[in-house]
Amino acid sequence: MVLAPIRPSEPARCSYIARAMWKLSIDFEHPSRDWWEAGGHDLWEGIVEEPGASSVVLDDDLAASWLAQAGAIPGWDGGPEFAPHPIAARPLADDDPDGH
C-alpha cells in the first residue's frame, strides 16, 4: 500500500491516506493487434518498468489517467466479451503478492 501525504491547514501536523493500487496486465486473450499498432505499444512501453513487461502496478490516479489515454486509441474496444480490451485492469488488495 502506498501512503500519500495530505497537507492539513495546521503546518505542524501531517496525516496520510491509503491510495488504491491497480494492476494493469496485457490480456493475451484479446485477439486484435489494432490497438497495439495504432499507438498502444508505445503507450504501454512508456508505463512499464522494464521493456517487454506484461504487467505493471500503479496508483489509482495514474492508472485512471493511463486507461483514459489507452481508451482513446483506436482498437481499445475491439475484443470479444471475455477480453474486450488489450489491457486488463484490476484493483489490488492490501495483501496481494503483486503489490509493491
C-alpha atoms as a PDB file:
ATOM      1  CA  MET A   1       0.000   0.000   0.000  1.00  0.00           C
ATOM      2  CA  VAL A   2       1.276   3.475  -0.838  1.00  0.00           C
ATOM      3  CA  LEU A   3       0.583   6.323   1.546  1.00  0.00           C
ATOM      4  CA  ALA A   4       0.050   9.795   0.127  1.00  0.00           C
ATOM      5  CA  PRO A   5       0.616  12.847   2.300  1.00  0.00           C
ATOM      6  CA  ILE A   6      -2.252  15.222   2.955  1.00  0.00           C
ATOM      7  CA  ARG A   7      -1.323  18.770   3.909  1.00  0.00           C
ATOM      8  CA  PRO A   8      -3.617  19.856   6.744  1.00  0.00           C
ATOM      9  CA  SER A   9      -4.292  23.514   7.485  1.00  0.00           C
ATOM     10  CA  GLU A  10      -2.015  23.324  10.515  1.00  0.00           C
ATOM     11  CA  PRO A  11       1.624  23.007   9.319  1.00  0.00           C
ATOM     12  CA  ALA A  12       2.773  21.170  12.481  1.00  0.00           C
ATOM     13  CA  ARG A  13       0.547  18.160  11.709  1.00  0.00           C
ATOM     14  CA  CYS A  14       0.761  15.713   8.847  1.00  0.00           C
ATOM     15  CA  SER A  15      -1.572  12.801   8.137  1.00  0.00           C
ATOM     16  CA  TYR A  16      -1.698  10.111   5.474  1.00  0.00           C
ATOM     17  CA  ILE A  17      -4.368   8.330   3.477  1.00  0.00           C
ATOM     18  CA  ALA A  18      -4.084   4.993   1.736  1.00  0.00           C
ATOM     19  CA  ARG A  19      -4.060   5.091  -2.074  1.00  0.00           C
ATOM     20  CA  ALA A  20      -5.682   2.275  -4.034  1.00  0.00           C
ATOM     21  CA  MET A  21      -3.353   0.313  -6.285  1.00  0.00           C
ATOM     22  CA  TRP A  22      -4.228  -1.232  -9.650  1.00  0.00           C
ATOM     23  CA  LYS A  23      -2.571  -3.954 -11.684  1.00  0.00           C
ATOM     24  CA  LEU A  24      -2.634  -3.443 -15.448  1.00  0.00           C
ATOM     25  CA  SER A  25      -1.783  -6.549 -17.491  1.00  0.00           C
ATOM     26  CA  ILE A  26      -1.630  -7.454 -21.137  1.00  0.00           C
ATOM     27  CA  ASP A  27      -4.714  -9.531 -21.915  1.00  0.00           C
ATOM     28  CA  PHE A  28      -3.260 -12.230 -24.136  1.00  0.00           C
ATOM     29  CA  GLU A  29      -6.775 -13.484 -24.956  1.00  0.00           C
ATOM     30  CA  HIS A  30      -7.555 -10.208 -26.769  1.00  0.00           C
ATOM     31  CA  PRO A  31      -7.153 -11.254 -30.429  1.00  0.00           C
ATOM     32  CA  SER A  32      -6.719  -7.929 -32.227  1.00  0.00           C
ATOM     33  CA  ARG A  33      -3.409  -6.159 -32.869  1.00  0.00           C
ATOM     34  CA  ASP A  34      -5.116  -2.923 -33.990  1.00  0.00           C
ATOM     35  CA  TRP A  35      -4.683  -1.084 -30.669  1.00  0.00           C
ATOM     36  CA  TRP A  36      -1.027  -2.091 -30.364  1.00  0.00           C
ATOM     37  CA  GLU A  37      -0.252  -0.933 -33.905  1.00  0.00           C
ATOM     38  CA  ALA A  38      -2.206   2.345 -33.534  1.00  0.00           C
ATOM     39  CA  GLY A  39      -0.009   3.598 -30.673  1.00  0.00           C
ATOM     40  CA  GLY A  40      -0.862   1.280 -27.796  1.00  0.00           C
ATOM     41  CA  HIS A  41       2.552  -0.377 -27.841  1.00  0.00           C
ATOM     42  CA  ASP A  42       4.340   2.930 -27.285  1.00  0.00           C
ATOM     43  CA  LEU A  43       1.881   3.921 -24.553  1.00  0.00           C
ATOM     44  CA  TRP A  44       2.399   0.555 -22.799  1.00  0.00           C
ATOM     45  CA  GLU A  45       6.183   0.706 -23.037  1.00  0.00           C
ATOM     46  CA  GLY A  46       6.053   4.188 -21.533  1.00  0.00           C
ATOM     47  CA  ILE A  47       4.444   2.953 -18.312  1.00  0.00           C
ATOM     48  CA  VAL A  48       6.091  -0.417 -17.620  1.00  0.00           C
ATOM     49  CA  GLU A  49       9.262  -0.591 -15.556  1.00  0.00           C
ATOM     50  CA  GLU A  50      11.199  -2.792 -17.965  1.00  0.00           C
ATOM     51  CA  PRO A  51      10.894  -3.424 -21.712  1.00  0.00           C
ATOM     52  CA  GLY A  52       8.700  -6.373 -22.565  1.00  0.00           C
ATOM     53  CA  ALA A  53       6.930  -6.454 -19.187  1.00  0.00           C
ATOM     54  CA  SER A  54       3.426  -7.913 -19.263  1.00  0.00           C
ATOM     55  CA  SER A  55       2.082  -6.128 -16.169  1.00  0.00           C
ATOM     56  CA  VAL A  56       2.560  -3.060 -14.002  1.00  0.00           C
ATOM     57  CA  VAL A  57       1.190  -1.879 -10.636  1.00  0.00           C
ATOM     58  CA  LEU A  58       0.076   1.768 -10.457  1.00  0.00           C
ATOM     59  CA  ASP A  59      -1.721   4.017  -8.004  1.00  0.00           C
ATOM     60  CA  ASP A  60      -5.345   4.790  -8.802  1.00  0.00           C
ATOM     61  CA  ASP A  61      -4.763   8.256 -10.278  1.00  0.00           C
ATOM     62  CA  LEU A  62      -2.011   7.148 -12.636  1.00  0.00           C
ATOM     63  CA  ALA A  63      -3.967   4.033 -13.646  1.00  0.00           C
ATOM     64  CA  ALA A  64      -7.078   6.094 -14.404  1.00  0.00           C
ATOM     65  CA  SER A  65      -5.084   8.592 -16.461  1.00  0.00           C
ATOM     66  CA  TRP A  66      -3.297   5.848 -18.389  1.00  0.00           C
ATOM     67  CA  LEU A  67      -6.544   3.955 -19.066  1.00  0.00           C
ATOM     68  CA  ALA A  68      -8.180   7.154 -20.362  1.00  0.00           C
ATOM     69  CA  GLN A  69      -5.315   7.615 -22.831  1.00  0.00           C
ATOM     70  CA  ALA A  70      -5.419   3.937 -23.788  1.00  0.00           C
ATOM     71  CA  GLY A  71      -9.170   4.116 -24.412  1.00  0.00           C
ATOM     72  CA  ALA A  72      -8.683   6.952 -26.887  1.00  0.00           C
ATOM     73  CA  ILE A  73      -6.506   4.794 -29.171  1.00  0.00           C
ATOM     74  CA  PRO A  74      -8.408   3.001 -31.963  1.00  0.00           C
ATOM     75  CA  GLY A  75      -8.907  -0.697 -31.263  1.00  0.00           C
ATOM     76  CA  TRP A  76      -9.286  -0.405 -27.471  1.00  0.00           C
ATOM     77  CA  ASP A  77     -12.830  -1.788 -27.562  1.00  0.00           C
ATOM     78  CA  GLY A  78     -12.167  -4.277 -30.351  1.00  0.00           C
ATOM     79  CA  GLY A  79     -12.126  -7.542 -28.423  1.00  0.00           C
ATOM     80  CA  PRO A  80     -14.715 -10.182 -27.602  1.00  0.00           C
ATOM     81  CA  GLU A  81     -16.807 -10.101 -24.415  1.00  0.00           C
ATOM     82  CA  PHE A  82     -14.308 -12.253 -22.488  1.00  0.00           C
ATOM     83  CA  ALA A  83     -11.357  -9.978 -23.434  1.00  0.00           C
ATOM     84  CA  PRO A  84     -12.791  -6.608 -24.523  1.00  0.00           C
ATOM     85  CA  HIS A  85      -9.564  -4.609 -24.171  1.00  0.00           C
ATOM     86  CA  PRO A  86      -5.894  -5.367 -24.891  1.00  0.00           C
ATOM     87  CA  ILE A  87      -5.012  -4.396 -21.298  1.00  0.00           C
ATOM     88  CA  ALA A  88      -6.888  -5.766 -18.272  1.00  0.00           C
ATOM     89  CA  ALA A  89      -7.133  -3.705 -15.074  1.00  0.00           C
ATOM     90  CA  ARG A  90      -7.909  -4.976 -11.596  1.00  0.00           C
ATOM     91  CA  PRO A  91      -7.642  -3.445  -8.131  1.00  0.00           C
ATOM     92  CA  LEU A  92      -5.097  -4.961  -5.771  1.00  0.00           C
ATOM     93  CA  ALA A  93      -5.995  -5.959  -2.231  1.00  0.00           C
ATOM     94  CA  ASP A  94      -3.674  -4.892   0.602  1.00  0.00           C
ATOM     95  CA  ASP A  95      -2.362  -8.434   0.944  1.00  0.00           C
ATOM     96  CA  ASP A  96      -1.966  -9.120  -2.797  1.00  0.00           C
ATOM     97  CA  PRO A  97       1.533 -10.508  -3.553  1.00  0.00           C
ATOM     98  CA  ASP A  98       1.632  -8.480  -6.819  1.00  0.00           C
ATOM     99  CA  GLY A  99       1.565  -5.159  -4.907  1.00  0.00           C
ATOM    100  CA  HIS A 100       4.720  -3.141  -4.370  1.00  0.00           C
END
